[in-house]
């Protein structure tokens, strides 16, 4: 059975923070941020907006017909409204879907993890149609006095419908993995179980940029290569790569290691920064909107994040 994406929508909060805006509240500048990250702006949820708010607003942009017969809701998020109920349960209730619903936590690799689970559930016959969401309000766990992390993150959401599609469309393979020994390099809300001995609990995002960069530049090309080989393809067969939008330098390094033209990569982080699990759907929708992704294109999705986690998938776009 071929399972693919038949509908896609995204949402960003109304409040926009440019690099110049950040320069007014911390020691930074547009040139400093853009030259190191490729980011020009990010969007931040209002005080009364939560991850479920963004998720619901995203799903509301889908054609109501697309929600018919959805029997599974998966929300990838690192910033849920509560320990429980899940964001997925709140989405299920809002749209009155007759569906099982749960959250999935794999940080910035979360949406590809969730796609893998959704596709597997449909192919197994357990589910028929899945709503897979990546949604984050990272601004609520960002230390706005730390310029090394505050400039990187933004809020947003993306949602896709998964269901059976005809040949040649749909997902051809997935690859994923975790290296828990690297959890100390990227964390938020961590207790002494995760942190080095004696360090106080950290509510905000804490990142060892050097270690995360080393991890990302190694694992992204490897993950893409594994998924491509599992699909019976070569890297050269890819029409587009939609990577996690963490840093332009990481994407450039992945292109170099794979021996691919950087123009094959969809890059949208200048518009919305790093939105963790929401970044890949935002980048994919950007690619479709800007005419970079076409029906019949063979695409690789690739994400990495806290855990440390990584995931990739290969699909033929369209249905």
Protein backbone atom coordinates (compact mmCIF):
# COMPACT_ATOMS: atom_id res chain seq x y z
CA UNK A 1 0.00 0.00 0.00
CA UNK A 2 1.27 3.46 -0.91
CA UNK A 3 0.62 6.13 1.72
CA UNK A 4 1.25 9.78 0.98
CA UNK A 5 0.42 13.36 1.90
CA UNK A 6 -2.88 14.47 0.35
CA UNK A 7 -3.27 17.82 2.14
CA UNK A 8 -0.90 20.25 3.82
CA UNK A 9 -1.36 23.48 5.79
CA UNK A 10 0.78 25.71 8.00
CA UNK A 11 0.30 28.58 10.41
CA UNK A 12 2.50 31.25 11.99
CA UNK A 13 1.47 33.56 14.85
CA UNK A 14 0.75 37.20 14.09
CA UNK A 15 3.62 38.70 16.08
CA UNK A 16 6.78 39.03 13.98
CA UNK A 17 10.21 39.63 15.51
CA UNK A 18 12.89 40.72 13.06
CA UNK A 19 16.60 40.57 13.79
CA UNK A 20 16.52 44.34 14.19
CA UNK A 21 13.79 43.95 16.82
CA UNK A 22 16.02 41.57 18.77
CA UNK A 23 18.93 43.98 18.56
CA UNK A 24 16.88 46.40 20.67
CA UNK A 25 16.59 43.96 23.59
CA UNK A 26 19.94 42.13 23.47
CA UNK A 27 23.50 42.57 22.29
CA UNK A 28 23.14 41.42 18.68
CA UNK A 29 22.51 42.71 15.17
CA UNK A 30 20.87 41.66 11.93
CA UNK A 31 24.30 41.11 10.37
CA UNK A 32 25.51 38.98 13.30
CA UNK A 33 22.43 36.75 13.28
CA UNK A 34 22.02 36.38 9.52
CA UNK A 35 25.67 35.70 8.78
CA UNK A 36 25.78 32.90 11.37
CA UNK A 37 22.35 31.35 10.89
CA UNK A 38 20.59 32.53 7.73
CA UNK A 39 17.65 33.71 9.85
CA UNK A 40 16.00 37.11 9.23
CA UNK A 41 12.88 36.88 11.40
CA UNK A 42 10.74 34.63 13.58
CA UNK A 43 7.13 34.62 14.79
CA UNK A 44 6.11 34.49 18.44
CA UNK A 45 2.84 33.34 19.97
CA UNK A 46 0.85 35.75 22.10
CA UNK A 47 0.60 35.14 25.84
CA UNK A 48 -2.84 33.57 25.42
CA UNK A 49 -1.76 31.33 22.53
CA UNK A 50 -0.52 27.83 23.19
CA UNK A 51 0.73 24.95 21.09
CA UNK A 52 -2.82 23.61 20.78
CA UNK A 53 -3.94 27.06 19.59
CA UNK A 54 -1.47 27.00 16.72
CA UNK A 55 -2.24 23.36 15.93
CA UNK A 56 -5.98 24.04 15.76
CA UNK A 57 -5.49 27.16 13.64
CA UNK A 58 -3.38 25.14 11.23
CA UNK A 59 -5.86 22.30 10.90
CA UNK A 60 -8.64 24.86 10.34
CA UNK A 61 -6.86 25.88 7.14
CA UNK A 62 -7.32 22.41 5.66
CA UNK A 63 -10.34 21.74 3.46
CA UNK A 64 -13.05 20.32 5.77
CA UNK A 65 -13.38 17.43 3.33
CA UNK A 66 -9.80 16.46 4.13
CA UNK A 67 -10.74 15.83 7.76
CA UNK A 68 -13.50 13.37 6.91
CA UNK A 69 -12.72 9.84 8.07
CA UNK A 70 -9.59 10.87 10.00
CA UNK A 71 -9.19 8.15 12.62
CA UNK A 72 -5.73 8.98 13.97
CA UNK A 73 -4.25 12.26 15.22
CA UNK A 74 -0.55 12.55 16.03
CA UNK A 75 0.97 15.79 17.26
CA UNK A 76 4.75 16.07 17.30
CA UNK A 77 5.71 18.68 19.88
CA UNK A 78 8.30 19.52 22.51
CA UNK A 79 6.09 22.24 24.00
CA UNK A 80 2.71 20.72 24.92
CA UNK A 81 0.10 22.76 26.74
CA UNK A 82 0.21 20.32 29.65
CA UNK A 83 1.66 16.99 30.74
CA UNK A 84 -1.82 15.72 29.92
CA UNK A 85 -4.23 15.95 28.20
CA UNK A 86 -2.19 15.78 25.02
CA UNK A 87 -2.28 18.49 22.38
CA UNK A 88 -3.59 15.81 20.02
CA UNK A 89 -6.55 15.19 22.34
CA UNK A 90 -7.36 18.91 22.32
CA UNK A 91 -7.25 18.94 18.52
CA UNK A 92 -9.42 15.82 18.35
CA UNK A 93 -11.99 17.40 20.63
CA UNK A 94 -12.04 20.74 18.80
CA UNK A 95 -12.81 19.15 15.44
CA UNK A 96 -14.92 16.32 16.95
CA UNK A 97 -12.93 13.67 15.14
CA UNK A 98 -13.66 10.00 15.74
CA UNK A 99 -10.00 9.25 16.20
CA UNK A 100 -7.30 7.99 18.50
CA UNK A 101 -4.98 10.83 19.44
CA UNK A 102 -1.59 11.16 21.07
CA UNK A 103 1.49 13.38 21.22
CA UNK A 104 4.96 12.32 20.15
CA UNK A 105 8.15 13.84 21.55
CA UNK A 106 11.26 13.69 19.36
CA UNK A 107 12.15 17.40 19.31
CA UNK A 108 13.07 18.77 15.89
CA UNK A 109 12.91 15.33 14.28
CA UNK A 110 9.38 14.89 15.64
CA UNK A 111 7.30 15.50 12.51
CA UNK A 112 9.22 12.94 10.47
CA UNK A 113 8.94 10.50 13.39
CA UNK A 114 5.19 11.13 13.42
CA UNK A 115 4.92 10.64 9.65
CA UNK A 116 6.70 7.31 10.00
CA UNK A 117 4.28 6.19 12.71
CA UNK A 118 1.25 7.43 10.77
CA UNK A 119 2.28 5.70 7.55
CA UNK A 120 2.97 2.46 9.44
CA UNK A 121 -0.43 2.57 11.16
CA UNK A 122 -2.21 2.96 7.83
CA UNK A 123 -0.16 0.30 6.08
CA UNK A 124 -0.86 -2.11 8.95
CA UNK A 125 -4.60 -1.61 8.55
CA UNK A 126 -5.05 -0.25 12.07
CA UNK A 127 -5.81 3.24 10.79
CA UNK A 128 -7.23 4.53 7.54
CA UNK A 129 -6.46 8.23 7.54
CA UNK A 130 -4.10 10.19 9.79
CA UNK A 131 -3.76 13.84 10.71
CA UNK A 132 -0.10 14.48 11.50
CA UNK A 133 0.79 17.82 13.09
CA UNK A 134 4.03 19.49 14.12
CA UNK A 135 3.38 22.41 16.46
CA UNK A 136 5.53 24.43 18.83
CA UNK A 137 5.56 27.48 21.08
CA UNK A 138 9.30 27.54 21.68
CA UNK A 139 9.12 31.20 22.71
CA UNK A 140 7.67 30.06 26.04
CA UNK A 141 10.84 28.09 26.87
CA UNK A 142 13.36 30.48 25.30
CA UNK A 143 15.72 32.52 27.46
CA UNK A 144 15.33 35.95 25.87
CA UNK A 145 18.50 37.15 27.58
CA UNK A 146 20.66 34.51 25.89
CA UNK A 147 21.51 35.66 22.39
CA UNK A 148 23.09 32.31 21.48
CA UNK A 149 19.68 30.61 21.61
CA UNK A 150 17.04 33.37 21.53
CA UNK A 151 17.90 34.34 17.95
CA UNK A 152 17.39 30.81 16.67
CA UNK A 153 13.83 29.86 17.56
CA UNK A 154 10.28 30.75 16.61
CA UNK A 155 6.73 29.44 16.96
CA UNK A 156 4.54 27.82 14.32
CA UNK A 157 2.69 24.73 13.17
CA UNK A 158 2.13 22.51 10.17
CA UNK A 159 -0.38 19.74 9.49
CA UNK A 160 -0.66 17.00 6.89
CA UNK A 161 -3.23 14.38 5.97
CA UNK A 162 -1.88 10.89 5.35
CA UNK A 163 -3.88 8.31 3.42
CA UNK A 164 -3.58 5.75 0.66
CA UNK A 165 -2.42 7.17 -2.68
CA UNK A 166 -1.91 5.54 -6.10
CA UNK A 167 1.42 4.66 -7.66
CA UNK A 168 3.95 6.22 -7.99
CA UNK A 169 3.12 8.64 -5.17
CA UNK A 170 3.67 8.39 -1.45
CA UNK A 171 6.40 7.43 0.99
CA UNK A 172 9.00 4.94 -0.16
CA UNK A 173 11.12 4.65 2.97
CA UNK A 174 12.03 6.02 6.37
CA UNK A 175 15.13 5.99 8.55
CA UNK A 176 15.43 7.11 12.13
CA UNK A 177 17.60 6.84 15.20
CA UNK A 178 18.60 8.20 18.58
CA UNK A 179 21.81 8.82 20.52
CA UNK A 180 20.76 9.43 24.10
CA UNK A 181 24.34 10.06 25.17
CA UNK A 182 24.04 13.46 23.48
CA UNK A 183 20.97 14.55 25.43
CA UNK A 184 23.08 16.87 27.56
CA UNK A 185 23.98 18.94 24.50
CA UNK A 186 20.44 20.17 23.78
CA UNK A 187 17.74 20.24 26.42
CA UNK A 188 14.97 22.20 28.12
CA UNK A 189 13.29 21.63 31.47
CA UNK A 190 16.05 19.16 32.29
CA UNK A 191 16.51 17.70 35.77
CA UNK A 192 19.71 16.37 37.33
CA UNK A 193 19.07 13.05 35.54
CA UNK A 194 20.03 14.75 32.25
CA UNK A 195 22.31 17.54 33.42
CA UNK A 196 25.94 17.19 34.48
CA UNK A 197 26.34 16.65 38.21
CA UNK A 198 25.70 19.76 40.26
CA UNK A 199 24.09 21.84 37.52
CA UNK A 200 20.76 23.48 38.47
CA UNK A 201 17.56 22.60 36.63
CA UNK A 202 17.19 24.54 33.39
CA UNK A 203 13.68 25.61 32.43
CA UNK A 204 14.78 27.22 29.17
CA UNK A 205 16.39 25.80 26.05
CA UNK A 206 20.09 25.14 26.59
CA UNK A 207 22.28 24.23 23.64
CA UNK A 208 25.92 23.31 23.17
CA UNK A 209 26.08 24.82 19.70
CA UNK A 210 29.42 23.31 18.77
CA UNK A 211 28.39 19.75 19.65
CA UNK A 212 24.97 20.05 18.01
CA UNK A 213 26.58 21.40 14.84
CA UNK A 214 29.01 18.47 14.73
CA UNK A 215 26.15 16.02 15.25
CA UNK A 216 23.87 17.62 12.67
CA UNK A 217 26.45 17.91 9.90
CA UNK A 218 27.24 14.21 10.30
CA UNK A 219 23.81 12.71 10.83
CA UNK A 220 21.72 14.59 8.25
CA UNK A 221 23.62 13.34 5.18
CA UNK A 222 23.85 9.87 6.72
CA UNK A 223 20.10 9.74 7.42
CA UNK A 224 19.26 10.89 3.90
CA UNK A 225 21.65 8.32 2.42
CA UNK A 226 20.09 5.48 4.43
CA UNK A 227 16.51 6.42 3.47
CA UNK A 228 17.47 6.80 -0.19
CA UNK A 229 19.13 3.38 -0.25
CA UNK A 230 16.13 1.77 1.48
CA UNK A 231 13.95 3.25 -1.28
CA UNK A 232 16.17 1.63 -3.90
CA UNK A 233 17.37 4.99 -5.17
CA UNK A 234 20.54 7.04 -5.39
CA UNK A 235 21.05 10.46 -3.85
CA UNK A 236 21.29 11.83 -7.39
CA UNK A 237 17.68 10.71 -7.96
CA UNK A 238 16.36 13.25 -5.46
CA UNK A 239 14.64 16.28 -6.96
CA UNK A 240 14.37 18.15 -3.66
CA UNK A 241 15.57 17.84 -0.09
CA UNK A 242 13.51 19.45 2.68
CA UNK A 243 15.76 19.56 5.76
CA UNK A 244 15.15 20.77 9.28
CA UNK A 245 15.68 24.53 9.19
CA UNK A 246 18.09 24.98 12.09
CA UNK A 247 20.99 26.79 10.50
CA UNK A 248 21.96 27.63 6.92
CA UNK A 249 25.51 26.42 7.55
CA UNK A 250 24.25 22.97 8.53
CA UNK A 251 22.22 22.73 5.32
CA UNK A 252 25.20 23.87 3.25
CA UNK A 253 27.38 21.24 4.92
CA UNK A 254 24.81 18.51 4.20
CA UNK A 255 24.71 19.50 0.54
CA UNK A 256 28.49 19.39 0.35
CA UNK A 257 28.75 15.98 2.03
CA UNK A 258 26.08 14.52 -0.24
CA UNK A 259 27.68 16.04 -3.32
CA UNK A 260 24.46 17.85 -4.24
CA UNK A 261 23.79 21.35 -5.52
CA UNK A 262 22.58 23.55 -2.66
CA UNK A 263 19.74 24.66 -4.96
CA UNK A 264 18.17 21.21 -4.51
CA UNK A 265 17.55 22.07 -0.86
CA UNK A 266 14.44 23.94 0.22
CA UNK A 267 15.61 26.71 2.56
CA UNK A 268 12.96 28.76 4.35
CA UNK A 269 14.48 29.55 7.75
CA UNK A 270 14.96 33.18 6.74
CA UNK A 271 11.17 33.46 6.96
CA UNK A 272 10.38 31.65 10.22
CA UNK A 273 13.61 30.52 12.00
CA UNK A 274 13.80 27.15 13.78
CA UNK A 275 10.36 25.91 14.84
CA UNK A 276 11.45 22.45 16.04
CA UNK A 277 8.85 19.86 14.95
CA UNK A 278 6.96 22.47 12.90
CA UNK A 279 9.96 23.42 10.77
CA UNK A 280 9.84 20.67 8.14
CA UNK A 281 6.12 21.08 7.34
CA UNK A 282 6.67 24.85 7.17
CA UNK A 283 9.59 24.34 4.78
CA UNK A 284 7.65 21.80 2.70
CA UNK A 285 4.68 24.15 2.35
CA UNK A 286 7.09 26.96 1.44
CA UNK A 287 8.58 24.74 -1.26
CA UNK A 288 5.17 23.99 -2.73
CA UNK A 289 4.07 27.63 -2.52
CA UNK A 290 7.22 28.95 -4.15
CA UNK A 291 7.10 26.43 -6.99
CA UNK A 292 10.14 24.50 -5.77
CA UNK A 293 8.24 21.25 -5.16
CA UNK A 294 6.17 19.78 -7.99
CA UNK A 295 3.89 16.81 -8.43
CA UNK A 296 5.98 13.75 -9.20
CA UNK A 297 9.13 15.07 -7.51
CA UNK A 298 11.14 12.62 -5.43
CA UNK A 299 11.75 14.35 -2.11
CA UNK A 300 13.78 13.60 1.00
CA UNK A 301 12.71 14.98 4.38
CA UNK A 302 15.36 15.07 7.10
CA UNK A 303 15.28 16.27 10.69
CA UNK A 304 17.49 16.20 13.77
CA UNK A 305 17.09 17.48 17.29
CA UNK A 306 17.19 16.99 21.02
CA UNK A 307 17.58 13.46 22.24
CA UNK A 308 19.69 13.47 20.23
CA UNK A 309 17.32 12.25 17.51
CA UNK A 310 17.25 12.10 13.74
CA UNK A 311 14.81 10.95 11.08
CA UNK A 312 14.46 10.98 7.32
CA UNK A 313 11.92 9.90 4.74
CA UNK A 314 11.71 9.64 0.97
CA UNK A 315 8.46 10.24 -0.90
CA UNK A 316 7.14 11.01 -4.34
CA UNK A 317 5.11 14.20 -4.01
CA UNK A 318 1.49 14.19 -5.17
CA UNK A 319 -1.58 12.02 -5.01
